[in-house]
Amino acid sequence: MNGAEHRIRVLLVDDDAEIRSLVREYLDGYGLEVLTAGDGARMRRLLETGSPDIVLLDIMLPGEDGLTLCREIRAQRNLPIILLTALAGESDRVVGLEMGADDYLVKPFSTRELLARIRAVLRRSSDRIAVHRPDSVDRYTFSGWRLAPGRRQLFDPEGVLVSLSGGEFDLLLALVRHPQTILSRERLLELTKGRPADAFDRSIDVQISRLRRKLRDPELIKTVRGGGYVLATQVQGD
């Protein structure tokens, strides 16, 4: 280890100055550099200038809420995100993970647990097979639909652009890359989130349901009882 070694840089977005100070002091003691922001505007500036390795994002922010910012980050960058919130309900966790978060920590939390979560998410992020990686295929076509990985866009058979959330796009891309192959929820979570299955894997089911509605053909993505899901059509890439 030497002075040129990269120091993990954490971007903490929370409107509570006391929490920002506490987290920064604790993580600094373990060799992590912490950048702090109290709102979305400051967060965007630090994303551009600070080159963080991971984002800790409070959901209950003034103005733009954390879920909106999470979706924005995920649409633009492949950065690990941990949501921090006082909302402990399962539905809130599922929504947060569906928006693209990698993990979820309920307030009040211990700084020791936060550090453990950061290390775990970064470890999974460095090892994962992420759908955000550069794709050698410019366009996938299936049943008249066109999926453009580079532009992260989906076009229907009439050429109309179909709006997808970041999580929906990642899930569809994972299915398209493995056509006519049964993918378990665990495998889909690894491909799209870089994490193993846990109590939150219902987010996959929610996204599958939404994708079926947007694809307007429930037979395109079939459920395999006890197995997972399969894109039941041929795919061509060019």
Protein backbone atom coordinates (compact mmCIF):
# COMPACT_ATOMS: atom_id res chain seq x y z
CA MET A 1 0.00 0.00 0.00
CA ASN A 2 1.36 3.44 -0.84
CA GLY A 3 0.35 7.06 -1.03
CA ALA A 4 -0.74 6.67 -4.66
CA GLU A 5 -3.37 4.09 -3.74
CA HIS A 6 -6.91 5.17 -4.47
CA ARG A 7 -8.80 6.28 -1.37
CA ILE A 8 -12.46 5.31 -1.36
CA ARG A 9 -14.54 8.44 -1.80
CA VAL A 10 -18.05 8.54 -0.35
CA LEU A 11 -20.68 11.13 -1.26
CA LEU A 12 -23.15 11.60 1.61
CA VAL A 13 -26.36 13.47 0.72
CA ASP A 14 -28.34 14.36 3.86
CA ASP A 15 -29.92 17.62 5.01
CA ASP A 16 -29.02 16.89 8.66
CA ALA A 17 -25.71 18.65 9.38
CA GLU A 18 -25.16 16.59 12.53
CA ILE A 19 -25.43 13.31 10.62
CA ARG A 20 -23.09 14.61 7.92
CA SER A 21 -20.50 15.54 10.52
CA LEU A 22 -20.83 12.28 12.46
CA VAL A 23 -20.57 10.05 9.38
CA ARG A 24 -17.69 12.02 7.92
CA GLU A 25 -15.69 11.85 11.15
CA TYR A 26 -16.30 8.12 11.62
CA LEU A 27 -15.56 7.04 8.04
CA ASP A 28 -12.49 9.26 7.89
CA GLY A 29 -11.11 7.27 10.79
CA TYR A 30 -11.26 4.15 8.59
CA GLY A 31 -9.52 5.75 5.63
CA LEU A 32 -12.56 6.78 3.60
CA GLU A 33 -12.87 10.28 2.20
CA VAL A 34 -16.33 11.77 2.65
CA LEU A 35 -17.89 14.50 0.52
CA THR A 36 -21.13 15.96 1.86
CA ALA A 37 -24.19 17.61 0.33
CA GLY A 38 -27.41 18.85 1.89
CA ASP A 39 -29.52 18.87 -1.28
CA GLY A 40 -29.74 17.74 -4.88
CA ALA A 41 -28.03 20.79 -6.38
CA ARG A 42 -24.93 20.33 -4.24
CA MET A 43 -25.02 16.58 -4.93
CA ARG A 44 -24.88 17.17 -8.69
CA ARG A 45 -21.88 19.47 -8.39
CA LEU A 46 -19.99 16.91 -6.31
CA LEU A 47 -20.88 14.11 -8.71
CA GLU A 48 -19.21 16.12 -11.46
CA THR A 49 -16.18 17.35 -9.55
CA GLY A 50 -15.66 14.86 -6.73
CA SER A 51 -15.68 11.52 -8.60
CA PRO A 52 -17.23 9.55 -5.72
CA ASP A 53 -17.09 5.75 -5.57
CA ILE A 54 -20.40 5.36 -3.73
CA VAL A 55 -23.38 7.55 -2.77
CA LEU A 56 -25.19 7.54 0.58
CA LEU A 57 -28.55 9.16 -0.12
CA ASP A 58 -31.19 10.25 2.38
CA ILE A 59 -34.73 9.80 1.07
CA MET A 60 -36.34 12.63 3.07
CA LEU A 61 -34.60 15.63 1.53
CA PRO A 62 -36.01 19.14 1.12
CA GLY A 63 -37.08 19.91 -2.43
CA GLU A 64 -36.14 16.94 -4.60
CA ASP A 65 -36.54 13.75 -2.60
CA GLY A 66 -33.96 11.01 -2.42
CA LEU A 67 -35.90 8.55 -4.58
CA THR A 68 -36.02 11.05 -7.43
CA LEU A 69 -32.30 11.72 -7.08
CA CYS A 70 -31.59 7.99 -6.90
CA ARG A 71 -33.39 7.43 -10.19
CA GLU A 72 -31.50 10.35 -11.75
CA ILE A 73 -28.10 8.99 -10.65
CA ARG A 74 -28.90 5.50 -11.85
CA ALA A 75 -30.00 6.75 -15.29
CA GLN A 76 -26.69 8.55 -15.77
CA ARG A 77 -24.04 6.65 -13.82
CA ASN A 78 -23.11 3.19 -12.67
CA LEU A 79 -22.47 4.23 -9.06
CA PRO A 80 -23.38 2.11 -6.02
CA ILE A 81 -26.13 3.76 -3.96
CA ILE A 82 -27.17 3.15 -0.36
CA LEU A 83 -30.43 4.80 0.71
CA LEU A 84 -30.72 6.22 4.23
CA THR A 85 -34.19 6.78 5.61
CA ALA A 86 -36.47 6.76 8.61
CA LEU A 87 -39.10 4.86 6.56
CA ALA A 88 -38.94 1.23 7.62
CA GLY A 89 -41.86 -0.31 5.72
CA GLU A 90 -41.20 -3.12 3.24
CA SER A 91 -42.93 -1.24 0.42
CA ASP A 92 -40.57 1.70 0.93
CA ARG A 93 -37.56 -0.59 0.72
CA VAL A 94 -38.86 -2.24 -2.43
CA VAL A 95 -39.50 1.13 -4.11
CA GLY A 96 -36.01 2.32 -3.21
CA LEU A 97 -34.35 -0.80 -4.60
CA GLU A 98 -36.54 -0.66 -7.68
CA MET A 99 -35.32 2.88 -8.32
CA GLY A 100 -31.81 1.48 -8.56
CA ALA A 101 -30.42 1.53 -5.02
CA ASP A 102 -28.02 -1.25 -4.06
CA ASP A 103 -28.86 -1.29 -0.37
CA TYR A 104 -31.08 0.35 2.21
CA LEU A 105 -30.30 1.41 5.78
CA VAL A 106 -32.97 2.57 8.23
CA LYS A 107 -32.36 5.48 10.59
CA PRO A 108 -31.21 5.59 13.27
CA PHE A 109 -28.29 3.41 12.20
CA SER A 110 -24.94 2.67 13.77
CA THR A 111 -21.89 4.03 11.97
CA ARG A 112 -20.31 0.61 12.36
CA GLU A 113 -23.14 -1.00 10.39
CA LEU A 114 -22.97 1.76 7.80
CA LEU A 115 -19.27 1.06 7.24
CA ALA A 116 -19.99 -2.66 6.88
CA ARG A 117 -22.73 -1.94 4.33
CA ILE A 118 -20.44 0.37 2.34
CA ARG A 119 -17.70 -2.26 2.19
CA ALA A 120 -20.16 -5.00 1.20
CA VAL A 121 -21.77 -2.93 -1.57
CA LEU A 122 -18.39 -1.87 -2.97
CA ARG A 123 -17.18 -5.47 -2.90
CA ARG A 124 -20.24 -6.68 -4.80
CA SER A 125 -20.01 -3.75 -7.19
CA SER A 126 -16.42 -4.55 -8.12
CA ASP A 127 -17.25 -8.22 -8.79
CA ARG A 128 -20.63 -7.96 -10.46
CA ILE A 129 -21.62 -8.60 -14.03
CA ALA A 130 -23.44 -5.31 -14.47
CA VAL A 131 -25.82 -4.52 -17.30
CA HIS A 132 -24.37 -1.00 -17.38
CA ARG A 133 -21.09 -2.25 -18.84
CA PRO A 134 -20.27 -1.25 -22.45
CA ASP A 135 -22.12 -3.46 -24.91
CA SER A 136 -20.62 -4.61 -28.21
CA VAL A 137 -24.14 -4.81 -29.65
CA ASP A 138 -25.64 -1.53 -30.86
CA ARG A 139 -29.19 -2.84 -31.05
CA TYR A 140 -31.19 -5.89 -29.99
CA THR A 141 -34.41 -6.76 -31.81
CA PHE A 142 -37.12 -9.14 -30.59
CA SER A 143 -40.73 -9.57 -31.76
CA GLY A 144 -40.52 -6.22 -33.55
CA TRP A 145 -39.14 -4.36 -30.52
CA ARG A 146 -35.75 -2.61 -30.60
CA LEU A 147 -33.53 -2.14 -27.56
CA ALA A 148 -30.52 0.19 -27.79
CA PRO A 149 -28.10 -0.46 -24.88
CA GLY A 150 -25.83 2.51 -25.56
CA ARG A 151 -28.67 5.02 -25.55
CA ARG A 152 -30.68 3.02 -22.99
CA GLN A 153 -33.79 3.28 -25.14
CA LEU A 154 -36.62 0.92 -26.10
CA PHE A 155 -38.69 1.34 -29.29
CA ASP A 156 -41.95 -0.49 -29.98
CA PRO A 157 -42.71 -2.19 -33.34
CA GLU A 158 -44.07 1.13 -34.67
CA GLY A 159 -40.85 2.91 -33.79
CA VAL A 160 -42.29 4.80 -30.81
CA LEU A 161 -39.96 5.39 -27.87
CA VAL A 162 -41.22 3.63 -24.72
CA SER A 163 -40.32 5.13 -21.35
CA LEU A 164 -38.60 2.75 -18.93
CA SER A 165 -37.24 3.35 -15.44
CA GLY A 166 -33.57 2.56 -14.88
CA GLY A 167 -34.46 -0.67 -13.11
CA GLU A 168 -36.89 -1.75 -15.84
CA PHE A 169 -34.32 -1.12 -18.55
CA ASP A 170 -31.63 -3.08 -16.70
CA LEU A 171 -33.97 -6.01 -16.17
CA LEU A 172 -35.12 -6.08 -19.80
CA LEU A 173 -31.52 -5.89 -21.01
CA ALA A 174 -30.57 -8.83 -18.78
CA LEU A 175 -33.45 -10.88 -20.26
CA VAL A 176 -32.58 -9.85 -23.81
CA ARG A 177 -28.98 -10.87 -23.32
CA HIS A 178 -30.14 -14.32 -22.22
CA PRO A 179 -33.13 -15.10 -24.48
CA GLN A 180 -35.05 -18.34 -24.08
CA THR A 181 -33.09 -19.02 -20.91
CA ILE A 182 -34.68 -19.41 -17.50
CA LEU A 183 -33.28 -16.78 -15.14
CA SER A 184 -34.03 -17.11 -11.44
CA ARG A 185 -34.76 -14.07 -9.29
CA GLU A 186 -31.35 -14.62 -7.70
CA ARG A 187 -29.62 -14.54 -11.08
CA LEU A 188 -31.55 -11.47 -12.21
CA LEU A 189 -30.55 -9.64 -9.04
CA GLU A 190 -26.91 -10.55 -9.66
CA LEU A 191 -27.10 -9.34 -13.27
CA THR A 192 -28.89 -6.07 -12.52
CA LYS A 193 -27.89 -5.15 -8.96
CA GLY A 194 -24.74 -7.13 -8.29
CA ARG A 195 -26.17 -8.54 -5.08
CA PRO A 196 -27.51 -11.92 -4.00
CA ALA A 197 -31.19 -12.52 -3.33
CA ASP A 198 -32.48 -11.21 -0.04
CA ALA A 199 -35.73 -10.13 1.56
CA PHE A 200 -36.18 -7.46 -1.10
CA ASP A 201 -36.24 -9.69 -4.20
CA ARG A 202 -39.93 -8.84 -4.68
CA SER A 203 -38.63 -5.83 -6.62
CA ILE A 204 -37.90 -8.17 -9.54
CA ASP A 205 -41.53 -9.33 -9.58
CA VAL A 206 -42.77 -5.72 -9.57
CA GLN A 207 -40.52 -4.77 -12.46
CA ILE A 208 -41.48 -7.86 -14.47
CA SER A 209 -45.15 -6.91 -14.07
CA ARG A 210 -44.46 -3.38 -15.29
CA LEU A 211 -42.38 -4.60 -18.23
CA ARG A 212 -45.19 -6.91 -19.33
CA ARG A 213 -47.62 -4.00 -19.39
CA LYS A 214 -45.24 -1.83 -21.38
CA LEU A 215 -44.41 -4.61 -23.85
CA ARG A 216 -48.16 -5.15 -24.30
CA ASP A 217 -47.70 -8.91 -24.60
CA PRO A 218 -47.65 -10.94 -21.35
CA GLU A 219 -46.39 -13.98 -23.29
CA LEU A 220 -43.07 -12.33 -24.11
CA ILE A 221 -41.82 -12.73 -20.54
CA LYS A 222 -43.06 -15.98 -19.06
CA THR A 223 -43.02 -17.11 -15.46
CA VAL A 224 -41.46 -20.49 -14.78
CA ARG A 225 -42.93 -21.93 -11.60
CA GLY A 226 -40.15 -22.43 -9.08
CA GLY A 227 -37.62 -21.29 -11.63
CA GLY A 228 -37.91 -17.61 -12.43
CA TYR A 229 -38.53 -15.84 -15.72
CA VAL A 230 -37.70 -16.36 -19.38
CA LEU A 231 -37.83 -14.10 -22.43
CA ALA A 232 -39.78 -16.48 -24.67
CA THR A 233 -38.74 -15.17 -28.08
CA GLN A 234 -35.73 -15.04 -30.35
CA VAL A 235 -33.37 -12.07 -30.13
CA GLN A 236 -31.07 -10.70 -32.78
CA GLY A 237 -28.16 -8.34 -32.11
CA ASP A 238 -26.33 -6.10 -34.52
